[in-house]
Amino acid sequence: MIDAHCHIQFQAYDADRDEVIKRCIADDVQMIAVGTKYSTSVNAIALAEKYPKFIWATVGFHPTHVNKSVFHDKSEEKSEAPEIFDYQKMLELAKNKKVVAIGECGLDYFRLDIERRTSIIAHQREAFEAQINLAAELKKPLMLHCRASKGTDDAYEDLYVTLKTSTYNLKPVLHFYAGSLAMTKKFVDAGYYFTFGGVITFSNDYDEIIKYIPMDRIMLETDAPYVAPIPYRGSRNEPRYLVEVAKRLVELKQLPQDEIIKQTSQTTQCILNL
């Protein structure tokens, strides 16, 4: 199995990272360590170089890090200092042969300060469009983060329009997808790929969407250390828990587990050029 989106380089694993990775290796689980800013991208590459047969990396700048007053996620890293997006630094980092995608990048409208909404969205767009250019320059796919305002598709609509007007063929991958069915149809028609994780094991909100998306457009993810699946809900997530996501897809797609694992792995290998 391949975990298409995790953060094994985050501080949440500082005490036992090698042990967690060795458990994944024992279970034959490979993974993509996804960068969220320059520092976590550097750490993702370091791990990919340390475990060349099991880990690959992405380089990206998460939309919530665009805001100078970004919330400090203690699972991510020790430093509370904000980073400024630097195209040239990201470009040099992303040239590393272990980097398979640009991101996670995109738009996040979920918790915006109403008074600063317009300004924040403008800054997110600027960083997102820069990373679209970066992906195009290096001919690497995009690992997308998109989170809409509650009960809407607003961020998904804006992301869709932004990429639709782009002249680049970037193989977009929507991580932790949570759009509406109507929005899903647009993304499927446009050739997007989708990753789903532990949340589908304890919520039925994604059932209709997953049933609609063609099997060859779906990848497995954990987003570890976040959103552990049942039966591990409430604990720190690990890439080896990916099998629980696969089991839920078996129920939703009415396909054998071996076929689910084979198809999702083949799609991940193909799109990310592993």
C-alpha atoms as a PDB file:
ATOM      1  CA  MET A   1       0.000   0.000   0.000  1.00  0.00           C
ATOM      2  CA  ILE A   2       1.021   3.610  -0.531  1.00  0.00           C
ATOM      3  CA  ASP A   3      -0.013   6.419   1.806  1.00  0.00           C
ATOM      4  CA  ALA A   4      -0.339   9.265  -0.707  1.00  0.00           C
ATOM      5  CA  HIS A   5      -0.392  11.990   1.942  1.00  0.00           C
ATOM      6  CA  CYS A   6       1.099  11.934   5.442  1.00  0.00           C
ATOM      7  CA  HIS A   7       3.352  14.093   7.621  1.00  0.00           C
ATOM      8  CA  ILE A   8       5.753  11.592   9.154  1.00  0.00           C
ATOM      9  CA  GLN A   9       8.343  14.401   9.420  1.00  0.00           C
ATOM     10  CA  PHE A  10       6.188  16.392  11.876  1.00  0.00           C
ATOM     11  CA  GLN A  11       7.108  16.947  15.513  1.00  0.00           C
ATOM     12  CA  ALA A  12       4.346  14.522  16.564  1.00  0.00           C
ATOM     13  CA  TYR A  13       6.775  11.681  15.728  1.00  0.00           C
ATOM     14  CA  ASP A  14       9.972  13.110  17.198  1.00  0.00           C
ATOM     15  CA  ALA A  15      10.043  10.628  20.081  1.00  0.00           C
ATOM     16  CA  ASP A  16       9.627   7.448  18.009  1.00  0.00           C
ATOM     17  CA  ARG A  17       9.739   8.303  14.290  1.00  0.00           C
ATOM     18  CA  ASP A  18      12.113   5.510  13.275  1.00  0.00           C
ATOM     19  CA  GLU A  19      10.036   2.943  15.163  1.00  0.00           C
ATOM     20  CA  VAL A  20       6.846   4.151  13.414  1.00  0.00           C
ATOM     21  CA  ILE A  21       8.538   3.934  10.016  1.00  0.00           C
ATOM     22  CA  LYS A  22       9.910   0.461  10.768  1.00  0.00           C
ATOM     23  CA  ARG A  23       6.366  -0.709  11.615  1.00  0.00           C
ATOM     24  CA  CYS A  24       5.241   0.649   8.242  1.00  0.00           C
ATOM     25  CA  ILE A  25       8.079  -1.148   6.475  1.00  0.00           C
ATOM     26  CA  ALA A  26       7.125  -4.385   8.233  1.00  0.00           C
ATOM     27  CA  ASP A  27       3.556  -3.934   6.945  1.00  0.00           C
ATOM     28  CA  ASP A  28       4.847  -3.050   3.443  1.00  0.00           C
ATOM     29  CA  VAL A  29       3.418   0.475   3.523  1.00  0.00           C
ATOM     30  CA  GLN A  30       5.201   3.162   1.518  1.00  0.00           C
ATOM     31  CA  MET A  31       4.428   6.854   2.001  1.00  0.00           C
ATOM     32  CA  ILE A  32       4.600  10.392   0.676  1.00  0.00           C
ATOM     33  CA  ALA A  33       5.845  12.850   3.337  1.00  0.00           C
ATOM     34  CA  VAL A  34       4.058  16.076   2.460  1.00  0.00           C
ATOM     35  CA  GLY A  35       5.644  19.480   3.085  1.00  0.00           C
ATOM     36  CA  THR A  36       3.555  22.333   4.483  1.00  0.00           C
ATOM     37  CA  LYS A  37       6.214  25.072   4.499  1.00  0.00           C
ATOM     38  CA  TYR A  38       9.933  25.327   3.749  1.00  0.00           C
ATOM     39  CA  SER A  39      11.116  23.794   7.029  1.00  0.00           C
ATOM     40  CA  THR A  40       8.759  20.794   6.948  1.00  0.00           C
ATOM     41  CA  SER A  41       9.583  20.266   3.267  1.00  0.00           C
ATOM     42  CA  VAL A  42      13.293  20.113   4.123  1.00  0.00           C
ATOM     43  CA  ASN A  43      12.539  17.518   6.792  1.00  0.00           C
ATOM     44  CA  ALA A  44      10.372  15.500   4.389  1.00  0.00           C
ATOM     45  CA  ILE A  45      13.232  15.292   1.893  1.00  0.00           C
ATOM     46  CA  ALA A  46      15.664  14.250   4.625  1.00  0.00           C
ATOM     47  CA  LEU A  47      13.426  11.310   5.525  1.00  0.00           C
ATOM     48  CA  ALA A  48      12.951  10.360   1.871  1.00  0.00           C
ATOM     49  CA  GLU A  49      16.725  10.230   1.484  1.00  0.00           C
ATOM     50  CA  LYS A  50      17.103   8.168   4.664  1.00  0.00           C
ATOM     51  CA  TYR A  51      14.455   5.626   3.572  1.00  0.00           C
ATOM     52  CA  PRO A  52      14.758   5.695  -0.249  1.00  0.00           C
ATOM     53  CA  LYS A  53      12.629   2.617  -0.939  1.00  0.00           C
ATOM     54  CA  PHE A  54       9.731   3.572   1.322  1.00  0.00           C
ATOM     55  CA  ILE A  55       9.407   7.374   1.507  1.00  0.00           C
ATOM     56  CA  TRP A  56       9.082  10.150  -1.066  1.00  0.00           C
ATOM     57  CA  ALA A  57       8.588  13.866  -0.404  1.00  0.00           C
ATOM     58  CA  THR A  58       6.647  16.890  -1.578  1.00  0.00           C
ATOM     59  CA  VAL A  59       7.584  20.556  -1.277  1.00  0.00           C
ATOM     60  CA  GLY A  60       4.821  23.044  -0.565  1.00  0.00           C
ATOM     61  CA  PHE A  61       3.443  26.016   1.336  1.00  0.00           C
ATOM     62  CA  HIS A  62       0.088  25.390   3.026  1.00  0.00           C
ATOM     63  CA  PRO A  63      -2.480  28.197   2.554  1.00  0.00           C
ATOM     64  CA  THR A  64      -2.936  28.728   6.278  1.00  0.00           C
ATOM     65  CA  HIS A  65       0.786  29.503   6.568  1.00  0.00           C
ATOM     66  CA  VAL A  66       0.334  32.495   4.273  1.00  0.00           C
ATOM     67  CA  ASN A  67      -1.190  34.433   7.176  1.00  0.00           C
ATOM     68  CA  LYS A  68       1.392  36.024   9.437  1.00  0.00           C
ATOM     69  CA  SER A  69      -0.802  35.285  12.474  1.00  0.00           C
ATOM     70  CA  VAL A  70      -1.048  31.594  11.582  1.00  0.00           C
ATOM     71  CA  PHE A  71      -2.245  29.215  14.292  1.00  0.00           C
ATOM     72  CA  HIS A  72       0.674  27.249  15.712  1.00  0.00           C
ATOM     73  CA  ASP A  73       0.053  23.526  15.317  1.00  0.00           C
ATOM     74  CA  LYS A  74       2.051  21.770  18.027  1.00  0.00           C
ATOM     75  CA  SER A  75       1.924  18.516  16.066  1.00  0.00           C
ATOM     76  CA  GLU A  76       3.744  20.175  13.174  1.00  0.00           C
ATOM     77  CA  GLU A  77       6.918  21.698  14.620  1.00  0.00           C
ATOM     78  CA  LYS A  78       8.403  23.459  17.634  1.00  0.00           C
ATOM     79  CA  SER A  79       8.983  26.858  16.063  1.00  0.00           C
ATOM     80  CA  GLU A  80       6.102  29.332  16.231  1.00  0.00           C
ATOM     81  CA  ALA A  81       7.829  31.767  13.867  1.00  0.00           C
ATOM     82  CA  PRO A  82       5.866  32.376  10.651  1.00  0.00           C
ATOM     83  CA  GLU A  83       7.535  31.762   7.292  1.00  0.00           C
ATOM     84  CA  ILE A  84       7.379  33.936   4.205  1.00  0.00           C
ATOM     85  CA  PHE A  85       6.832  32.109   0.922  1.00  0.00           C
ATOM     86  CA  ASP A  86      10.034  32.314  -1.113  1.00  0.00           C
ATOM     87  CA  TYR A  87       9.712  31.040  -4.685  1.00  0.00           C
ATOM     88  CA  GLN A  88      13.425  30.719  -5.338  1.00  0.00           C
ATOM     89  CA  LYS A  89      14.098  28.761  -2.131  1.00  0.00           C
ATOM     90  CA  MET A  90      11.171  26.443  -2.854  1.00  0.00           C
ATOM     91  CA  LEU A  91      12.327  25.961  -6.444  1.00  0.00           C
ATOM     92  CA  GLU A  92      15.817  24.870  -5.413  1.00  0.00           C
ATOM     93  CA  LEU A  93      14.388  22.529  -2.795  1.00  0.00           C
ATOM     94  CA  ALA A  94      11.852  21.017  -5.183  1.00  0.00           C
ATOM     95  CA  LYS A  95      14.537  20.072  -7.716  1.00  0.00           C
ATOM     96  CA  ASN A  96      15.581  17.204  -5.433  1.00  0.00           C
ATOM     97  CA  LYS A  97      14.959  13.852  -7.167  1.00  0.00           C
ATOM     98  CA  LYS A  98      13.000  12.572  -4.138  1.00  0.00           C
ATOM     99  CA  VAL A  99      10.386  15.327  -4.553  1.00  0.00           C
ATOM    100  CA  VAL A 100       7.395  13.902  -6.434  1.00  0.00           C
ATOM    101  CA  ALA A 101       4.889  16.773  -6.214  1.00  0.00           C
ATOM    102  CA  ILE A 102       4.401  20.426  -5.287  1.00  0.00           C
ATOM    103  CA  GLY A 103       2.179  21.020  -2.271  1.00  0.00           C
ATOM    104  CA  GLU A 104       0.310  20.822  -0.184  1.00  0.00           C
ATOM    105  CA  CYS A 105      -0.881  24.110  -1.565  1.00  0.00           C
ATOM    106  CA  GLY A 106      -4.227  25.637  -2.404  1.00  0.00           C
ATOM    107  CA  LEU A 107      -6.976  27.613  -0.671  1.00  0.00           C
ATOM    108  CA  ASP A 108      -8.449  27.425   2.827  1.00  0.00           C
ATOM    109  CA  TYR A 109     -11.501  29.532   3.695  1.00  0.00           C
ATOM    110  CA  PHE A 110     -12.650  27.526   6.717  1.00  0.00           C
ATOM    111  CA  ARG A 111     -11.674  29.901   9.533  1.00  0.00           C
ATOM    112  CA  LEU A 112     -11.118  33.319   8.005  1.00  0.00           C
ATOM    113  CA  ASP A 113     -11.255  36.564   9.946  1.00  0.00           C
ATOM    114  CA  ILE A 114     -14.312  38.274   8.401  1.00  0.00           C
ATOM    115  CA  GLU A 115     -12.696  41.714   8.529  1.00  0.00           C
ATOM    116  CA  ARG A 116      -9.534  40.477   6.787  1.00  0.00           C
ATOM    117  CA  ARG A 117     -11.149  37.875   4.529  1.00  0.00           C
ATOM    118  CA  THR A 118     -10.507  39.652   1.224  1.00  0.00           C
ATOM    119  CA  SER A 119      -6.877  40.362   2.060  1.00  0.00           C
ATOM    120  CA  ILE A 120      -6.164  36.842   3.336  1.00  0.00           C
ATOM    121  CA  ILE A 121      -7.731  35.207   0.271  1.00  0.00           C
ATOM    122  CA  ALA A 122      -5.666  37.468  -1.993  1.00  0.00           C
ATOM    123  CA  HIS A 123      -2.462  36.383  -0.236  1.00  0.00           C
ATOM    124  CA  GLN A 124      -3.472  32.710  -0.397  1.00  0.00           C
ATOM    125  CA  ARG A 125      -4.134  33.057  -4.115  1.00  0.00           C
ATOM    126  CA  GLU A 126      -0.752  34.672  -4.669  1.00  0.00           C
ATOM    127  CA  ALA A 127       1.101  31.823  -2.950  1.00  0.00           C
ATOM    128  CA  PHE A 128      -1.072  29.210  -4.687  1.00  0.00           C
ATOM    129  CA  GLU A 129      -0.507  30.649  -8.158  1.00  0.00           C
ATOM    130  CA  ALA A 130       3.235  30.814  -7.484  1.00  0.00           C
ATOM    131  CA  GLN A 131       3.214  27.098  -6.651  1.00  0.00           C
ATOM    132  CA  ILE A 132       1.218  26.325  -9.806  1.00  0.00           C
ATOM    133  CA  ASN A 133       4.044  28.037 -11.707  1.00  0.00           C
ATOM    134  CA  LEU A 134       6.597  26.071  -9.690  1.00  0.00           C
ATOM    135  CA  ALA A 135       4.898  22.772 -10.549  1.00  0.00           C
ATOM    136  CA  ALA A 136       4.781  23.777 -14.208  1.00  0.00           C
ATOM    137  CA  GLU A 137       8.435  24.782 -14.244  1.00  0.00           C
ATOM    138  CA  LEU A 138       9.495  21.419 -12.782  1.00  0.00           C
ATOM    139  CA  LYS A 139       6.792  19.381 -14.546  1.00  0.00           C
ATOM    140  CA  LYS A 140       5.557  17.881 -11.273  1.00  0.00           C
ATOM    141  CA  PRO A 141       1.930  17.258 -10.171  1.00  0.00           C
ATOM    142  CA  LEU A 142       0.108  19.373  -7.597  1.00  0.00           C
ATOM    143  CA  MET A 143      -0.836  18.052  -4.144  1.00  0.00           C
ATOM    144  CA  LEU A 144      -3.800  20.266  -3.295  1.00  0.00           C
ATOM    145  CA  HIS A 145      -5.242  21.386   0.024  1.00  0.00           C
ATOM    146  CA  CYS A 146      -8.695  22.915  -0.240  1.00  0.00           C
ATOM    147  CA  ARG A 147     -11.119  23.654   2.572  1.00  0.00           C
ATOM    148  CA  ALA A 148     -14.306  25.609   1.990  1.00  0.00           C
ATOM    149  CA  SER A 149     -16.368  27.746   4.339  1.00  0.00           C
ATOM    150  CA  LYS A 150     -18.818  25.572   6.266  1.00  0.00           C
ATOM    151  CA  GLY A 151     -21.737  24.426   4.128  1.00  0.00           C
ATOM    152  CA  THR A 152     -20.341  25.843   0.872  1.00  0.00           C
ATOM    153  CA  ASP A 153     -18.048  24.980  -2.037  1.00  0.00           C
ATOM    154  CA  ASP A 154     -16.505  28.472  -2.151  1.00  0.00           C
ATOM    155  CA  ALA A 155     -12.809  27.510  -1.905  1.00  0.00           C
ATOM    156  CA  TYR A 156     -13.319  24.539  -4.247  1.00  0.00           C
ATOM    157  CA  GLU A 157     -15.010  26.783  -6.819  1.00  0.00           C
ATOM    158  CA  ASP A 158     -12.162  29.303  -6.656  1.00  0.00           C
ATOM    159  CA  LEU A 159      -9.521  26.564  -6.894  1.00  0.00           C
ATOM    160  CA  TYR A 160     -11.329  24.985  -9.851  1.00  0.00           C
ATOM    161  CA  VAL A 161     -11.511  28.307 -11.725  1.00  0.00           C
ATOM    162  CA  THR A 162      -7.866  29.101 -10.954  1.00  0.00           C
ATOM    163  CA  LEU A 163      -6.622  25.808 -12.372  1.00  0.00           C
ATOM    164  CA  LYS A 164      -9.109  25.834 -15.254  1.00  0.00           C
ATOM    165  CA  THR A 165      -7.617  29.113 -16.480  1.00  0.00           C
ATOM    166  CA  SER A 166      -4.089  27.747 -16.125  1.00  0.00           C
ATOM    167  CA  THR A 167      -2.332  26.679 -19.308  1.00  0.00           C
ATOM    168  CA  TYR A 168      -0.453  23.885 -17.517  1.00  0.00           C
ATOM    169  CA  ASN A 169      -1.331  20.188 -17.369  1.00  0.00           C
ATOM    170  CA  LEU A 170      -0.495  19.504 -13.727  1.00  0.00           C
ATOM    171  CA  LYS A 171      -2.333  16.273 -12.744  1.00  0.00           C
ATOM    172  CA  PRO A 172      -4.099  17.861  -9.716  1.00  0.00           C
ATOM    173  CA  VAL A 173      -4.547  15.663  -6.629  1.00  0.00           C
ATOM    174  CA  LEU A 174      -7.199  16.847  -4.148  1.00  0.00           C
ATOM    175  CA  HIS A 175      -6.120  15.731  -0.683  1.00  0.00           C
ATOM    176  CA  PHE A 176      -8.768  15.017   2.005  1.00  0.00           C
ATOM    177  CA  TYR A 177     -11.513  15.868  -0.449  1.00  0.00           C
ATOM    178  CA  ALA A 178     -14.794  17.146   1.034  1.00  0.00           C
ATOM    179  CA  GLY A 179     -16.629  18.927  -1.792  1.00  0.00           C
ATOM    180  CA  SER A 180     -20.257  18.501  -2.831  1.00  0.00           C
ATOM    181  CA  LEU A 181     -21.414  16.010  -5.464  1.00  0.00           C
ATOM    182  CA  ALA A 182     -21.978  18.834  -7.955  1.00  0.00           C
ATOM    183  CA  MET A 183     -18.431  20.072  -7.385  1.00  0.00           C
ATOM    184  CA  THR A 184     -17.104  16.524  -7.598  1.00  0.00           C
ATOM    185  CA  LYS A 185     -18.613  16.100 -11.058  1.00  0.00           C
ATOM    186  CA  LYS A 186     -16.723  19.200 -12.244  1.00  0.00           C
ATOM    187  CA  PHE A 187     -13.427  17.905 -10.849  1.00  0.00           C
ATOM    188  CA  VAL A 188     -13.924  14.412 -12.303  1.00  0.00           C
ATOM    189  CA  ASP A 189     -14.713  15.862 -15.727  1.00  0.00           C
ATOM    190  CA  ALA A 190     -11.583  18.033 -15.483  1.00  0.00           C
ATOM    191  CA  GLY A 191      -9.365  15.009 -14.773  1.00  0.00           C
ATOM    192  CA  TYR A 192      -8.606  15.497 -11.075  1.00  0.00           C
ATOM    193  CA  TYR A 193      -7.527  12.767  -8.637  1.00  0.00           C
ATOM    194  CA  PHE A 194      -8.730  12.399  -5.036  1.00  0.00           C
ATOM    195  CA  THR A 195      -7.309  11.100  -1.767  1.00  0.00           C
ATOM    196  CA  PHE A 196      -9.435   9.823   1.122  1.00  0.00           C
ATOM    197  CA  GLY A 197      -8.378   8.966   4.669  1.00  0.00           C
ATOM    198  CA  GLY A 198      -9.550   7.877   8.091  1.00  0.00           C
ATOM    199  CA  VAL A 199     -12.588  10.160   8.246  1.00  0.00           C
ATOM    200  CA  ILE A 200     -14.465   7.882   5.822  1.00  0.00           C
ATOM    201  CA  THR A 201     -14.360   5.096   8.445  1.00  0.00           C
ATOM    202  CA  PHE A 202     -16.488   7.042  10.936  1.00  0.00           C
ATOM    203  CA  SER A 203     -18.518   9.454   8.768  1.00  0.00           C
ATOM    204  CA  ASN A 204     -21.007   8.709   6.007  1.00  0.00           C
ATOM    205  CA  ASP A 205     -20.704  12.215   4.557  1.00  0.00           C
ATOM    206  CA  TYR A 206     -18.301  10.956   1.881  1.00  0.00           C
ATOM    207  CA  ASP A 207     -20.170   7.821   0.778  1.00  0.00           C
ATOM    208  CA  GLU A 208     -22.037   9.288  -2.202  1.00  0.00           C
ATOM    209  CA  ILE A 209     -18.942  11.126  -3.424  1.00  0.00           C
ATOM    210  CA  ILE A 210     -16.709   8.042  -3.255  1.00  0.00           C
ATOM    211  CA  LYS A 211     -19.297   5.913  -5.042  1.00  0.00           C
ATOM    212  CA  TYR A 212     -19.405   8.485  -7.857  1.00  0.00           C
ATOM    213  CA  ILE A 213     -15.650   8.918  -8.383  1.00  0.00           C
ATOM    214  CA  PRO A 214     -14.107   6.307 -10.725  1.00  0.00           C
ATOM    215  CA  MET A 215     -11.894   3.859  -8.870  1.00  0.00           C
ATOM    216  CA  ASP A 216      -8.852   4.768 -10.953  1.00  0.00           C
ATOM    217  CA  ARG A 217      -9.048   8.378  -9.700  1.00  0.00           C
ATOM    218  CA  ILE A 218      -8.835   7.481  -5.998  1.00  0.00           C
ATOM    219  CA  MET A 219      -5.754   7.208  -3.781  1.00  0.00           C
ATOM    220  CA  LEU A 220      -5.430   6.196  -0.123  1.00  0.00           C
ATOM    221  CA  GLU A 221      -4.096   8.584   2.506  1.00  0.00           C
ATOM    222  CA  THR A 222      -3.857   8.908   6.265  1.00  0.00           C
ATOM    223  CA  ASP A 223      -2.924  12.609   6.717  1.00  0.00           C
ATOM    224  CA  ALA A 224      -1.036  11.218   9.726  1.00  0.00           C
ATOM    225  CA  PRO A 225      -0.670  12.299  12.511  1.00  0.00           C
ATOM    226  CA  TYR A 226      -4.254  13.575  12.085  1.00  0.00           C
ATOM    227  CA  VAL A 227      -7.680  11.908  11.790  1.00  0.00           C
ATOM    228  CA  ALA A 228      -6.920   8.321  12.756  1.00  0.00           C
ATOM    229  CA  PRO A 229      -9.432   5.781  11.419  1.00  0.00           C
ATOM    230  CA  ILE A 230     -11.592   3.449  13.447  1.00  0.00           C
ATOM    231  CA  PRO A 231     -10.455   1.493  15.499  1.00  0.00           C
ATOM    232  CA  TYR A 232      -7.665   4.000  16.315  1.00  0.00           C
ATOM    233  CA  ARG A 233      -9.815   7.135  16.417  1.00  0.00           C
ATOM    234  CA  GLY A 234      -8.619   9.634  19.019  1.00  0.00           C
ATOM    235  CA  SER A 235      -5.002   8.457  18.920  1.00  0.00           C
ATOM    236  CA  ARG A 236      -2.077   9.627  16.814  1.00  0.00           C
ATOM    237  CA  ASN A 237      -2.464   8.347  13.283  1.00  0.00           C
ATOM    238  CA  GLU A 238       0.205   6.257  11.506  1.00  0.00           C
ATOM    239  CA  PRO A 239       0.628   5.393   7.800  1.00  0.00           C
ATOM    240  CA  ARG A 240       0.239   1.674   8.536  1.00  0.00           C
ATOM    241  CA  TYR A 241      -3.376   2.328   9.568  1.00  0.00           C
ATOM    242  CA  LEU A 242      -4.051   2.846   5.861  1.00  0.00           C
ATOM    243  CA  VAL A 243      -5.492  -0.668   5.677  1.00  0.00           C
ATOM    244  CA  GLU A 244      -8.556   0.537   7.610  1.00  0.00           C
ATOM    245  CA  VAL A 245      -9.266   3.107   4.889  1.00  0.00           C
ATOM    246  CA  ALA A 246      -8.905   0.377   2.272  1.00  0.00           C
ATOM    247  CA  LYS A 247     -11.415  -1.780   4.163  1.00  0.00           C
ATOM    248  CA  ARG A 248     -13.988   1.027   4.064  1.00  0.00           C
ATOM    249  CA  LEU A 249     -13.458   1.473   0.332  1.00  0.00           C
ATOM    250  CA  VAL A 250     -14.167  -2.256  -0.062  1.00  0.00           C
ATOM    251  CA  GLU A 251     -17.624  -1.618   1.409  1.00  0.00           C
ATOM    252  CA  LEU A 252     -18.313   1.517  -0.631  1.00  0.00           C
ATOM    253  CA  LYS A 253     -16.988   0.300  -3.975  1.00  0.00           C
ATOM    254  CA  GLN A 254     -18.065  -3.348  -3.569  1.00  0.00           C
ATOM    255  CA  LEU A 255     -14.674  -4.560  -4.742  1.00  0.00           C
ATOM    256  CA  PRO A 256     -12.204  -7.061  -3.214  1.00  0.00           C
ATOM    257  CA  GLN A 257      -9.623  -5.558  -0.858  1.00  0.00           C
ATOM    258  CA  ASP A 258      -6.731  -6.807  -3.002  1.00  0.00           C
ATOM    259  CA  GLU A 259      -8.183  -4.986  -5.982  1.00  0.00           C
ATOM    260  CA  ILE A 260      -8.655  -1.771  -3.987  1.00  0.00           C
ATOM    261  CA  ILE A 261      -5.046  -1.850  -2.805  1.00  0.00           C
ATOM    262  CA  LYS A 262      -3.686  -2.734  -6.249  1.00  0.00           C
ATOM    263  CA  GLN A 263      -5.666  -0.023  -8.058  1.00  0.00           C
ATOM    264  CA  THR A 264      -4.944   2.785  -5.574  1.00  0.00           C
ATOM    265  CA  SER A 265      -1.254   1.880  -5.480  1.00  0.00           C
ATOM    266  CA  GLN A 266      -1.004   1.825  -9.268  1.00  0.00           C
ATOM    267  CA  THR A 267      -2.723   5.210  -9.518  1.00  0.00           C
ATOM    268  CA  THR A 268      -0.402   6.746  -6.921  1.00  0.00           C
ATOM    269  CA  GLN A 269       2.668   5.322  -8.630  1.00  0.00           C
ATOM    270  CA  CYS A 270       1.531   6.603 -12.010  1.00  0.00           C
ATOM    271  CA  ILE A 271       0.443  10.122 -11.021  1.00  0.00           C
ATOM    272  CA  LEU A 272       3.386  10.799  -8.694  1.00  0.00           C
ATOM    273  CA  ASN A 273       5.925   9.014 -10.926  1.00  0.00           C
ATOM    274  CA  LEU A 274       7.239   6.818  -8.109  1.00  0.00           C
END
